[in-house]
Amino acid sequence: LSLCSTNTLPPEYLAIWGLKRLRINAEAKHPLPEQSLLIHSGGESES
């Protein structure tokens, strides 16, 4: 997910099924490097 604006987002939740990996980028709002998170491996061992 990449935020392409400087808008302030409301405290809402998105529900996602089966999510294994998540990466976020909010460079338009904060000059931070891309972040990543492994939710579950699902039997994969490459990470």
ModelCIF file with pLDDT and N, C-alpha, C, O atoms, coordinates in Angstrom:
data_MODEL
#
_entry.id   MODEL 
#
_entity.id                         1 
_entity.type                       polymer 
_entity.pdbx_number_of_molecules   1 
#
_entity_poly.entity_id                      1 
_entity_poly.type                           'polypeptide(L)' 
_entity_poly.nstd_linkage                   no 
_entity_poly.nstd_monomer                   no 
_entity_poly.pdbx_seq_one_letter_code       LSLCSTNTLPPEYLAIWGLKRLRINAEAKHPLPEQSLLIHSGGESES 
_entity_poly.pdbx_seq_one_letter_code_can   LSLCSTNTLPPEYLAIWGLKRLRINAEAKHPLPEQSLLIHSGGESES 
_entity_poly.pdbx_strand_id                 A 
#
loop_
_entity_poly_seq.entity_id 
_entity_poly_seq.num 
_entity_poly_seq.mon_id 
_entity_poly_seq.hetero 
1 1  LEU n 
1 2  SER n 
1 3  LEU n 
1 4  CYS n 
1 5  SER n 
1 6  THR n 
1 7  ASN n 
1 8  THR n 
1 9  LEU n 
1 10 PRO n 
1 11 PRO n 
1 12 GLU n 
1 13 TYR n 
1 14 LEU n 
1 15 ALA n 
1 16 ILE n 
1 17 TRP n 
1 18 GLY n 
1 19 LEU n 
1 20 LYS n 
1 21 ARG n 
1 22 LEU n 
1 23 ARG n 
1 24 ILE n 
1 25 ASN n 
1 26 ALA n 
1 27 GLU n 
1 28 ALA n 
1 29 LYS n 
1 30 HIS n 
1 31 PRO n 
1 32 LEU n 
1 33 PRO n 
1 34 GLU n 
1 35 GLN n 
1 36 SER n 
1 37 LEU n 
1 38 LEU n 
1 39 ILE n 
1 40 HIS n 
1 41 SER n 
1 42 GLY n 
1 43 GLY n 
1 44 GLU n 
1 45 SER n 
1 46 GLU n 
1 47 SER n 
#
_struct_asym.id          A 
_struct_asym.entity_id   1 
#
loop_
_ma_qa_metric.id 
_ma_qa_metric.mode 
_ma_qa_metric.name 
_ma_qa_metric.software_group_id 
_ma_qa_metric.type 
1 global pLDDT . pLDDT 
2 local  pLDDT . pLDDT 
#
_ma_qa_metric_global.metric_id      1 
_ma_qa_metric_global.metric_value   84.40 
_ma_qa_metric_global.model_id       1 
_ma_qa_metric_global.ordinal_id     1 
#
loop_
_ma_qa_metric_local.label_asym_id 
_ma_qa_metric_local.label_comp_id 
_ma_qa_metric_local.label_seq_id 
_ma_qa_metric_local.metric_id 
_ma_qa_metric_local.metric_value 
_ma_qa_metric_local.model_id 
_ma_qa_metric_local.ordinal_id 
A LEU 1  2 97.00 1 1  
A SER 2  2 96.00 1 2  
A LEU 3  2 95.00 1 3  
A CYS 4  2 94.00 1 4  
A SER 5  2 92.00 1 5  
A THR 6  2 92.00 1 6  
A ASN 7  2 90.00 1 7  
A THR 8  2 92.00 1 8  
A LEU 9  2 93.00 1 9  
A PRO 10 2 91.00 1 10 
A PRO 11 2 88.00 1 11 
A GLU 12 2 90.00 1 12 
A TYR 13 2 91.00 1 13 
A LEU 14 2 92.00 1 14 
A ALA 15 2 90.00 1 15 
A ILE 16 2 92.00 1 16 
A TRP 17 2 90.00 1 17 
A GLY 18 2 92.00 1 18 
A LEU 19 2 94.00 1 19 
A LYS 20 2 94.00 1 20 
A ARG 21 2 96.00 1 21 
A LEU 22 2 97.00 1 22 
A ARG 23 2 97.00 1 23 
A ILE 24 2 96.00 1 24 
A ASN 25 2 95.00 1 25 
A ALA 26 2 91.00 1 26 
A GLU 27 2 86.00 1 27 
A ALA 28 2 84.00 1 28 
A LYS 29 2 84.00 1 29 
A HIS 30 2 82.00 1 30 
A PRO 31 2 81.00 1 31 
A LEU 32 2 82.00 1 32 
A PRO 33 2 89.00 1 33 
A GLU 34 2 93.00 1 34 
A GLN 35 2 94.00 1 35 
A SER 36 2 95.00 1 36 
A LEU 37 2 95.00 1 37 
A LEU 38 2 94.00 1 38 
A ILE 39 2 89.00 1 39 
A HIS 40 2 78.00 1 40 
A SER 41 2 71.00 1 41 
A GLY 42 2 57.00 1 42 
A GLY 43 2 46.00 1 43 
A GLU 44 2 42.00 1 44 
A SER 45 2 36.00 1 45 
A GLU 46 2 36.00 1 46 
A SER 47 2 36.00 1 47 
#
loop_
_atom_site.group_PDB 
_atom_site.id 
_atom_site.type_symbol 
_atom_site.label_atom_id 
_atom_site.label_alt_id 
_atom_site.label_comp_id 
_atom_site.label_asym_id 
_atom_site.label_entity_id 
_atom_site.label_seq_id 
_atom_site.pdbx_PDB_ins_code 
_atom_site.Cartn_x 
_atom_site.Cartn_y 
_atom_site.Cartn_z 
_atom_site.occupancy 
_atom_site.B_iso_or_equiv 
_atom_site.pdbx_formal_charge 
_atom_site.auth_seq_id 
_atom_site.auth_comp_id 
_atom_site.auth_asym_id 
_atom_site.auth_atom_id 
_atom_site.pdbx_PDB_model_num 
ATOM 1   N N  . LEU A 1 1  ? 0.845   -1.185  0.000  1.00 97.00 ? 1  LEU A N  1 
ATOM 2   C CA . LEU A 1 1  ? 0.000   0.000   0.000  1.00 97.00 ? 1  LEU A CA 1 
ATOM 3   C C  . LEU A 1 1  ? 0.884   1.239   0.000  1.00 97.00 ? 1  LEU A C  1 
ATOM 4   O O  . LEU A 1 1  ? 1.778   1.372   0.835  1.00 97.00 ? 1  LEU A O  1 
ATOM 5   N N  . SER A 1 2  ? 0.630   2.141   -0.937 1.00 96.00 ? 2  SER A N  1 
ATOM 6   C CA . SER A 1 2  ? 1.393   3.384   -1.037 1.00 96.00 ? 2  SER A CA 1 
ATOM 7   C C  . SER A 1 2  ? 0.432   4.563   -0.962 1.00 96.00 ? 2  SER A C  1 
ATOM 8   O O  . SER A 1 2  ? -0.466  4.698   -1.793 1.00 96.00 ? 2  SER A O  1 
ATOM 9   N N  . LEU A 1 3  ? 0.626   5.412   0.040  1.00 95.00 ? 3  LEU A N  1 
ATOM 10  C CA . LEU A 1 3  ? -0.194  6.610   0.192  1.00 95.00 ? 3  LEU A CA 1 
ATOM 11  C C  . LEU A 1 3  ? 0.382   7.704   -0.705 1.00 95.00 ? 3  LEU A C  1 
ATOM 12  O O  . LEU A 1 3  ? 1.530   8.114   -0.540 1.00 95.00 ? 3  LEU A O  1 
ATOM 13  N N  . CYS A 1 4  ? -0.427  8.168   -1.654 1.00 94.00 ? 4  CYS A N  1 
ATOM 14  C CA . CYS A 1 4  ? 0.037   9.136   -2.646 1.00 94.00 ? 4  CYS A CA 1 
ATOM 15  C C  . CYS A 1 4  ? -0.517  10.532  -2.384 1.00 94.00 ? 4  CYS A C  1 
ATOM 16  O O  . CYS A 1 4  ? -0.770  11.277  -3.330 1.00 94.00 ? 4  CYS A O  1 
ATOM 17  N N  . SER A 1 5  ? -0.705  10.890  -1.153 1.00 92.00 ? 5  SER A N  1 
ATOM 18  C CA . SER A 1 5  ? -1.183  12.223  -0.803 1.00 92.00 ? 5  SER A CA 1 
ATOM 19  C C  . SER A 1 5  ? -0.735  12.535  0.621  1.00 92.00 ? 5  SER A C  1 
ATOM 20  O O  . SER A 1 5  ? -0.203  11.678  1.325  1.00 92.00 ? 5  SER A O  1 
ATOM 21  N N  . THR A 1 6  ? -0.964  13.782  1.027  1.00 92.00 ? 6  THR A N  1 
ATOM 22  C CA . THR A 1 6  ? -0.638  14.196  2.392  1.00 92.00 ? 6  THR A CA 1 
ATOM 23  C C  . THR A 1 6  ? -1.887  14.236  3.264  1.00 92.00 ? 6  THR A C  1 
ATOM 24  O O  . THR A 1 6  ? -1.867  14.826  4.344  1.00 92.00 ? 6  THR A O  1 
ATOM 25  N N  . ASN A 1 7  ? -2.970  13.618  2.810  1.00 90.00 ? 7  ASN A N  1 
ATOM 26  C CA . ASN A 1 7  ? -4.208  13.614  3.587  1.00 90.00 ? 7  ASN A CA 1 
ATOM 27  C C  . ASN A 1 7  ? -4.019  12.873  4.902  1.00 90.00 ? 7  ASN A C  1 
ATOM 28  O O  . ASN A 1 7  ? -3.254  11.912  4.988  1.00 90.00 ? 7  ASN A O  1 
ATOM 29  N N  . THR A 1 8  ? -4.733  13.340  5.931  1.00 92.00 ? 8  THR A N  1 
ATOM 30  C CA . THR A 1 8  ? -4.785  12.632  7.207  1.00 92.00 ? 8  THR A CA 1 
ATOM 31  C C  . THR A 1 8  ? -5.888  11.588  7.129  1.00 92.00 ? 8  THR A C  1 
ATOM 32  O O  . THR A 1 8  ? -7.041  11.919  6.850  1.00 92.00 ? 8  THR A O  1 
ATOM 33  N N  . LEU A 1 9  ? -5.543  10.341  7.373  1.00 93.00 ? 9  LEU A N  1 
ATOM 34  C CA . LEU A 1 9  ? -6.504  9.256   7.238  1.00 93.00 ? 9  LEU A CA 1 
ATOM 35  C C  . LEU A 1 9  ? -7.245  9.023   8.545  1.00 93.00 ? 9  LEU A C  1 
ATOM 36  O O  . LEU A 1 9  ? -6.656  9.139   9.620  1.00 93.00 ? 9  LEU A O  1 
ATOM 37  N N  . PRO A 1 10 ? -8.528  8.696   8.467  1.00 91.00 ? 10 PRO A N  1 
ATOM 38  C CA . PRO A 1 10 ? -9.313  8.450   9.685  1.00 91.00 ? 10 PRO A CA 1 
ATOM 39  C C  . PRO A 1 10 ? -8.911  7.125   10.329 1.00 91.00 ? 10 PRO A C  1 
ATOM 40  O O  . PRO A 1 10 ? -8.338  6.266   9.660  1.00 91.00 ? 10 PRO A O  1 
ATOM 41  N N  . PRO A 1 11 ? -9.203  6.947   11.618 1.00 88.00 ? 11 PRO A N  1 
ATOM 42  C CA . PRO A 1 11 ? -8.865  5.688   12.306 1.00 88.00 ? 11 PRO A CA 1 
ATOM 43  C C  . PRO A 1 11 ? -9.842  4.579   11.947 1.00 88.00 ? 11 PRO A C  1 
ATOM 44  O O  . PRO A 1 11 ? -10.613 4.120   12.789 1.00 88.00 ? 11 PRO A O  1 
ATOM 45  N N  . GLU A 1 12 ? -9.802  4.157   10.700 1.00 90.00 ? 12 GLU A N  1 
ATOM 46  C CA . GLU A 1 12 ? -10.657 3.082   10.228 1.00 90.00 ? 12 GLU A CA 1 
ATOM 47  C C  . GLU A 1 12 ? -9.835  1.812   10.040 1.00 90.00 ? 12 GLU A C  1 
ATOM 48  O O  . GLU A 1 12 ? -8.613  1.854   9.898  1.00 90.00 ? 12 GLU A O  1 
ATOM 49  N N  . TYR A 1 13 ? -10.541 0.680   10.042 1.00 91.00 ? 13 TYR A N  1 
ATOM 50  C CA . TYR A 1 13 ? -9.881  -0.598  9.856  1.00 91.00 ? 13 TYR A CA 1 
ATOM 51  C C  . TYR A 1 13 ? -10.288 -1.213  8.519  1.00 91.00 ? 13 TYR A C  1 
ATOM 52  O O  . TYR A 1 13 ? -11.434 -1.108  8.081  1.00 91.00 ? 13 TYR A O  1 
ATOM 53  N N  . LEU A 1 14 ? -9.309  -1.857  7.892  1.00 92.00 ? 14 LEU A N  1 
ATOM 54  C CA . LEU A 1 14 ? -9.582  -2.678  6.723  1.00 92.00 ? 14 LEU A CA 1 
ATOM 55  C C  . LEU A 1 14 ? -9.369  -4.138  7.116  1.00 92.00 ? 14 LEU A C  1 
ATOM 56  O O  . LEU A 1 14 ? -8.358  -4.481  7.727  1.00 92.00 ? 14 LEU A O  1 
ATOM 57  N N  . ALA A 1 15 ? -10.322 -4.988  6.764  1.00 90.00 ? 15 ALA A N  1 
ATOM 58  C CA . ALA A 1 15 ? -10.226 -6.414  7.065  1.00 90.00 ? 15 ALA A CA 1 
ATOM 59  C C  . ALA A 1 15 ? -9.779  -7.152  5.808  1.00 90.00 ? 15 ALA A C  1 
ATOM 60  O O  . ALA A 1 15 ? -10.406 -7.026  4.756  1.00 90.00 ? 15 ALA A O  1 
ATOM 61  N N  . ILE A 1 16 ? -8.703  -7.917  5.915  1.00 92.00 ? 16 ILE A N  1 
ATOM 62  C CA . ILE A 1 16 ? -8.119  -8.614  4.767  1.00 92.00 ? 16 ILE A CA 1 
ATOM 63  C C  . ILE A 1 16 ? -7.949  -10.077 5.115  1.00 92.00 ? 16 ILE A C  1 
ATOM 64  O O  . ILE A 1 16 ? -7.394  -10.419 6.159  1.00 92.00 ? 16 ILE A O  1 
ATOM 65  N N  . TRP A 1 17 ? -8.428  -10.936 4.233  1.00 90.00 ? 17 TRP A N  1 
ATOM 66  C CA . TRP A 1 17 ? -8.299  -12.373 4.431  1.00 90.00 ? 17 TRP A CA 1 
ATOM 67  C C  . TRP A 1 17 ? -6.949  -12.863 3.914  1.00 90.00 ? 17 TRP A C  1 
ATOM 68  O O  . TRP A 1 17 ? -6.462  -12.392 2.886  1.00 90.00 ? 17 TRP A O  1 
ATOM 69  N N  . GLY A 1 18 ? -6.350  -13.811 4.633  1.00 92.00 ? 18 GLY A N  1 
ATOM 70  C CA . GLY A 1 18 ? -5.198  -14.558 4.135  1.00 92.00 ? 18 GLY A CA 1 
ATOM 71  C C  . GLY A 1 18 ? -3.938  -13.758 3.900  1.00 92.00 ? 18 GLY A C  1 
ATOM 72  O O  . GLY A 1 18 ? -3.076  -14.189 3.135  1.00 92.00 ? 18 GLY A O  1 
ATOM 73  N N  . LEU A 1 19 ? -3.803  -12.602 4.535  1.00 94.00 ? 19 LEU A N  1 
ATOM 74  C CA . LEU A 1 19 ? -2.646  -11.749 4.276  1.00 94.00 ? 19 LEU A CA 1 
ATOM 75  C C  . LEU A 1 19 ? -1.371  -12.390 4.833  1.00 94.00 ? 19 LEU A C  1 
ATOM 76  O O  . LEU A 1 19 ? -1.297  -12.725 6.016  1.00 94.00 ? 19 LEU A O  1 
ATOM 77  N N  . LYS A 1 20 ? -0.374  -12.554 3.966  1.00 94.00 ? 20 LYS A N  1 
ATOM 78  C CA . LYS A 1 20 ? 0.918   -13.106 4.377  1.00 94.00 ? 20 LYS A CA 1 
ATOM 79  C C  . LYS A 1 20 ? 1.957   -12.018 4.579  1.00 94.00 ? 20 LYS A C  1 
ATOM 80  O O  . LYS A 1 20 ? 2.644   -11.983 5.600  1.00 94.00 ? 20 LYS A O  1 
ATOM 81  N N  . ARG A 1 21 ? 2.069   -11.123 3.593  1.00 96.00 ? 21 ARG A N  1 
ATOM 82  C CA . ARG A 1 21 ? 3.061   -10.051 3.674  1.00 96.00 ? 21 ARG A CA 1 
ATOM 83  C C  . ARG A 1 21 ? 2.408   -8.706  3.392  1.00 96.00 ? 21 ARG A C  1 
ATOM 84  O O  . ARG A 1 21 ? 1.519   -8.581  2.549  1.00 96.00 ? 21 ARG A O  1 
ATOM 85  N N  . LEU A 1 22 ? 2.880   -7.703  4.128  1.00 97.00 ? 22 LEU A N  1 
ATOM 86  C CA . LEU A 1 22 ? 2.395   -6.342  3.928  1.00 97.00 ? 22 LEU A CA 1 
ATOM 87  C C  . LEU A 1 22 ? 3.585   -5.407  3.829  1.00 97.00 ? 22 LEU A C  1 
ATOM 88  O O  . LEU A 1 22 ? 4.520   -5.473  4.628  1.00 97.00 ? 22 LEU A O  1 
ATOM 89  N N  . ARG A 1 23 ? 3.530   -4.525  2.820  1.00 97.00 ? 23 ARG A N  1 
ATOM 90  C CA . ARG A 1 23 ? 4.511   -3.451  2.696  1.00 97.00 ? 23 ARG A CA 1 
ATOM 91  C C  . ARG A 1 23 ? 3.751   -2.138  2.614  1.00 97.00 ? 23 ARG A C  1 
ATOM 92  O O  . ARG A 1 23 ? 2.695   -2.067  1.985  1.00 97.00 ? 23 ARG A O  1 
ATOM 93  N N  . ILE A 1 24 ? 4.277   -1.109  3.238  1.00 96.00 ? 24 ILE A N  1 
ATOM 94  C CA . ILE A 1 24 ? 3.637   0.203   3.184  1.00 96.00 ? 24 ILE A CA 1 
ATOM 95  C C  . ILE A 1 24 ? 4.676   1.257   2.827  1.00 96.00 ? 24 ILE A C  1 
ATOM 96  O O  . ILE A 1 24 ? 5.855   1.141   3.160  1.00 96.00 ? 24 ILE A O  1 
ATOM 97  N N  . ASN A 1 25 ? 4.196   2.291   2.135  1.00 95.00 ? 25 ASN A N  1 
ATOM 98  C CA . ASN A 1 25 ? 5.042   3.416   1.770  1.00 95.00 ? 25 ASN A CA 1 
ATOM 99  C C  . ASN A 1 25 ? 4.206   4.680   1.889  1.00 95.00 ? 25 ASN A C  1 
ATOM 100 O O  . ASN A 1 25 ? 3.176   4.819   1.229  1.00 95.00 ? 25 ASN A O  1 
ATOM 101 N N  . ALA A 1 26 ? 4.655   5.596   2.732  1.00 91.00 ? 26 ALA A N  1 
ATOM 102 C CA . ALA A 1 26 ? 3.950   6.871   2.920  1.00 91.00 ? 26 ALA A CA 1 
ATOM 103 C C  . ALA A 1 26 ? 4.896   8.031   2.666  1.00 91.00 ? 26 ALA A C  1 
ATOM 104 O O  . ALA A 1 26 ? 4.893   9.028   3.388  1.00 91.00 ? 26 ALA A O  1 
ATOM 105 N N  . GLU A 1 27 ? 5.707   7.881   1.625  1.00 86.00 ? 27 GLU A N  1 
ATOM 106 C CA . GLU A 1 27 ? 6.736   8.885   1.335  1.00 86.00 ? 27 GLU A CA 1 
ATOM 107 C C  . GLU A 1 27 ? 6.137   10.254  1.047  1.00 86.00 ? 27 GLU A C  1 
ATOM 108 O O  . GLU A 1 27 ? 6.755   11.281  1.329  1.00 86.00 ? 27 GLU A O  1 
ATOM 109 N N  . ALA A 1 28 ? 4.930   10.265  0.483  1.00 84.00 ? 28 ALA A N  1 
ATOM 110 C CA . ALA A 1 28 ? 4.293   11.549  0.195  1.00 84.00 ? 28 ALA A CA 1 
ATOM 111 C C  . ALA A 1 28 ? 3.969   12.317  1.471  1.00 84.00 ? 28 ALA A C  1 
ATOM 112 O O  . ALA A 1 28 ? 3.887   13.545  1.465  1.00 84.00 ? 28 ALA A O  1 
ATOM 113 N N  . LYS A 1 29 ? 3.784   11.577  2.569  1.00 84.00 ? 29 LYS A N  1 
ATOM 114 C CA . LYS A 1 29 ? 3.429   12.208  3.837  1.00 84.00 ? 29 LYS A CA 1 
ATOM 115 C C  . LYS A 1 29 ? 4.623   12.259  4.792  1.00 84.00 ? 29 LYS A C  1 
ATOM 116 O O  . LYS A 1 29 ? 4.854   13.271  5.455  1.00 84.00 ? 29 LYS A O  1 
ATOM 117 N N  . HIS A 1 30 ? 5.371   11.171  4.857  1.00 82.00 ? 30 HIS A N  1 
ATOM 118 C CA . HIS A 1 30 ? 6.551   11.086  5.719  1.00 82.00 ? 30 HIS A CA 1 
ATOM 119 C C  . HIS A 1 30 ? 7.713   10.531  4.902  1.00 82.00 ? 30 HIS A C  1 
ATOM 120 O O  . HIS A 1 30 ? 7.574   9.481   4.274  1.00 82.00 ? 30 HIS A O  1 
ATOM 121 N N  . PRO A 1 31 ? 8.855   11.215  4.897  1.00 81.00 ? 31 PRO A N  1 
ATOM 122 C CA . PRO A 1 31 ? 10.007  10.719  4.115  1.00 81.00 ? 31 PRO A CA 1 
ATOM 123 C C  . PRO A 1 31 ? 10.698  9.545   4.811  1.00 81.00 ? 31 PRO A C  1 
ATOM 124 O O  . PRO A 1 31 ? 11.859  9.643   5.208  1.00 81.00 ? 31 PRO A O  1 
ATOM 125 N N  . LEU A 1 32 ? 9.984   8.458   4.950  1.00 82.00 ? 32 LEU A N  1 
ATOM 126 C CA . LEU A 1 32 ? 10.516  7.269   5.600  1.00 82.00 ? 32 LEU A CA 1 
ATOM 127 C C  . LEU A 1 32 ? 10.711  6.161   4.572  1.00 82.00 ? 32 LEU A C  1 
ATOM 128 O O  . LEU A 1 32 ? 10.000  6.127   3.568  1.00 82.00 ? 32 LEU A O  1 
ATOM 129 N N  . PRO A 1 33 ? 11.650  5.264   4.798  1.00 89.00 ? 33 PRO A N  1 
ATOM 130 C CA . PRO A 1 33 ? 11.812  4.139   3.868  1.00 89.00 ? 33 PRO A CA 1 
ATOM 131 C C  . PRO A 1 33 ? 10.617  3.195   3.930  1.00 89.00 ? 33 PRO A C  1 
ATOM 132 O O  . PRO A 1 33 ? 9.863   3.182   4.902  1.00 89.00 ? 33 PRO A O  1 
ATOM 133 N N  . GLU A 1 34 ? 10.466  2.421   2.886  1.00 93.00 ? 34 GLU A N  1 
ATOM 134 C CA . GLU A 1 34 ? 9.379   1.443   2.836  1.00 93.00 ? 34 GLU A CA 1 
ATOM 135 C C  . GLU A 1 34 ? 9.506   0.451   3.994  1.00 93.00 ? 34 GLU A C  1 
ATOM 136 O O  . GLU A 1 34 ? 10.601  -0.007  4.320  1.00 93.00 ? 34 GLU A O  1 
ATOM 137 N N  . GLN A 1 35 ? 8.363   0.131   4.607  1.00 94.00 ? 35 GLN A N  1 
ATOM 138 C CA . GLN A 1 35 ? 8.343   -0.823  5.710  1.00 94.00 ? 35 GLN A CA 1 
ATOM 139 C C  . GLN A 1 35 ? 7.658   -2.115  5.264  1.00 94.00 ? 35 GLN A C  1 
ATOM 140 O O  . GLN A 1 35 ? 6.764   -2.092  4.418  1.00 94.00 ? 35 GLN A O  1 
ATOM 141 N N  . SER A 1 36 ? 8.082   -3.230  5.835  1.00 95.00 ? 36 SER A N  1 
ATOM 142 C CA . SER A 1 36 ? 7.493   -4.517  5.481  1.00 95.00 ? 36 SER A CA 1 
ATOM 143 C C  . SER A 1 36 ? 7.243   -5.323  6.748  1.00 95.00 ? 36 SER A C  1 
ATOM 144 O O  . SER A 1 36 ? 7.890   -5.127  7.776  1.00 95.00 ? 36 SER A O  1 
ATOM 145 N N  . LEU A 1 37 ? 6.284   -6.233  6.638  1.00 95.00 ? 37 LEU A N  1 
ATOM 146 C CA . LEU A 1 37 ? 5.888   -7.052  7.783  1.00 95.00 ? 37 LEU A CA 1 
ATOM 147 C C  . LEU A 1 37 ? 5.436   -8.406  7.269  1.00 95.00 ? 37 LEU A C  1 
ATOM 148 O O  . LEU A 1 37 ? 4.638   -8.483  6.335  1.00 95.00 ? 37 LEU A O  1 
ATOM 149 N N  . LEU A 1 38 ? 5.941   -9.472  7.872  1.00 94.00 ? 38 LEU A N  1 
ATOM 150 C CA . LEU A 1 38 ? 5.506   -10.825 7.544  1.00 94.00 ? 38 LEU A CA 1 
ATOM 151 C C  . LEU A 1 38 ? 4.458   -11.245 8.571  1.00 94.00 ? 38 LEU A C  1 
ATOM 152 O O  . LEU A 1 38 ? 4.754   -11.360 9.760  1.00 94.00 ? 38 LEU A O  1 
ATOM 153 N N  . ILE A 1 39 ? 3.219   -11.474 8.098  1.00 89.00 ? 39 ILE A N  1 
ATOM 154 C CA . ILE A 1 39 ? 2.128   -11.837 8.994  1.00 89.00 ? 39 ILE A CA 1 
ATOM 155 C C  . ILE A 1 39 ? 2.195   -13.307 9.346  1.00 89.00 ? 39 ILE A C  1 
ATOM 156 O O  . ILE A 1 39 ? 2.180   -13.672 10.522 1.00 89.00 ? 39 ILE A O  1 
ATOM 157 N N  . HIS A 1 40 ? 2.270   -14.157 8.326  1.00 78.00 ? 40 HIS A N  1 
ATOM 158 C CA . HIS A 1 40 ? 2.479   -15.587 8.536  1.00 78.00 ? 40 HIS A CA 1 
ATOM 159 C C  . HIS A 1 40 ? 3.154   -16.154 7.301  1.00 78.00 ? 40 HIS A C  1 
ATOM 160 O O  . HIS A 1 40 ? 3.044   -15.599 6.208  1.00 78.00 ? 40 HIS A O  1 
ATOM 161 N N  . SER A 1 41 ? 3.848   -17.260 7.484  1.00 71.00 ? 41 SER A N  1 
ATOM 162 C CA . SER A 1 41 ? 4.662   -17.798 6.400  1.00 71.00 ? 41 SER A CA 1 
ATOM 163 C C  . SER A 1 41 ? 3.870   -18.692 5.470  1.00 71.00 ? 41 SER A C  1 
ATOM 164 O O  . SER A 1 41 ? 4.203   -18.786 4.288  1.00 71.00 ? 41 SER A O  1 
ATOM 165 N N  . GLY A 1 42 ? 2.844   -19.346 5.954  1.00 57.00 ? 42 GLY A N  1 
ATOM 166 C CA . GLY A 1 42 ? 2.065   -20.242 5.119  1.00 57.00 ? 42 GLY A CA 1 
ATOM 167 C C  . GLY A 1 42 ? 2.870   -21.390 4.569  1.00 57.00 ? 42 GLY A C  1 
ATOM 168 O O  . GLY A 1 42 ? 2.590   -21.894 3.482  1.00 57.00 ? 42 GLY A O  1 
ATOM 169 N N  . GLY A 1 43 ? 3.899   -21.813 5.340  1.00 46.00 ? 43 GLY A N  1 
ATOM 170 C CA . GLY A 1 43 ? 4.730   -22.929 4.898  1.00 46.00 ? 43 GLY A CA 1 
ATOM 171 C C  . GLY A 1 43 ? 5.924   -22.519 4.079  1.00 46.00 ? 43 GLY A C  1 
ATOM 172 O O  . GLY A 1 43 ? 6.710   -23.377 3.677  1.00 46.00 ? 43 GLY A O  1 
ATOM 173 N N  . GLU A 1 44 ? 6.094   -21.207 3.808  1.00 42.00 ? 44 GLU A N  1 
ATOM 174 C CA . GLU A 1 44 ? 7.221   -20.762 3.017  1.00 42.00 ? 44 GLU A CA 1 
ATOM 175 C C  . GLU A 1 44 ? 8.432   -20.546 3.920  1.00 42.00 ? 44 GLU A C  1 
ATOM 176 O O  . GLU A 1 44 ? 8.288   -20.138 5.072  1.00 42.00 ? 44 GLU A O  1 
ATOM 177 N N  . SER A 1 45 ? 9.597   -20.816 3.405  1.00 36.00 ? 45 SER A N  1 
ATOM 178 C CA . SER A 1 45 ? 10.810  -20.691 4.205  1.00 36.00 ? 45 SER A CA 1 
ATOM 179 C C  . SER A 1 45 ? 11.841  -19.767 3.581  1.00 36.00 ? 45 SER A C  1 
ATOM 180 O O  . SER A 1 45 ? 12.972  -19.688 4.060  1.00 36.00 ? 45 SER A O  1 
ATOM 181 N N  . GLU A 1 46 ? 11.459  -19.057 2.504  1.00 36.00 ? 46 GLU A N  1 
ATOM 182 C CA . GLU A 1 46 ? 12.450  -18.254 1.826  1.00 36.00 ? 46 GLU A CA 1 
ATOM 183 C C  . GLU A 1 46 ? 12.703  -16.932 2.524  1.00 36.00 ? 46 GLU A C  1 
ATOM 184 O O  . GLU A 1 46 ? 13.727  -16.298 2.271  1.00 36.00 ? 46 GLU A O  1 
ATOM 185 N N  . SER A 1 47 ? 11.810  -16.497 3.391  1.00 36.00 ? 47 SER A N  1 
ATOM 186 C CA . SER A 1 47 ? 11.971  -15.211 4.038  1.00 36.00 ? 47 SER A CA 1 
ATOM 187 C C  . SER A 1 47 ? 12.727  -15.362 5.350  1.00 36.00 ? 47 SER A C  1 
ATOM 188 O O  . SER A 1 47 ? 12.962  -14.373 6.044  1.00 36.00 ? 47 SER A O  1 
#
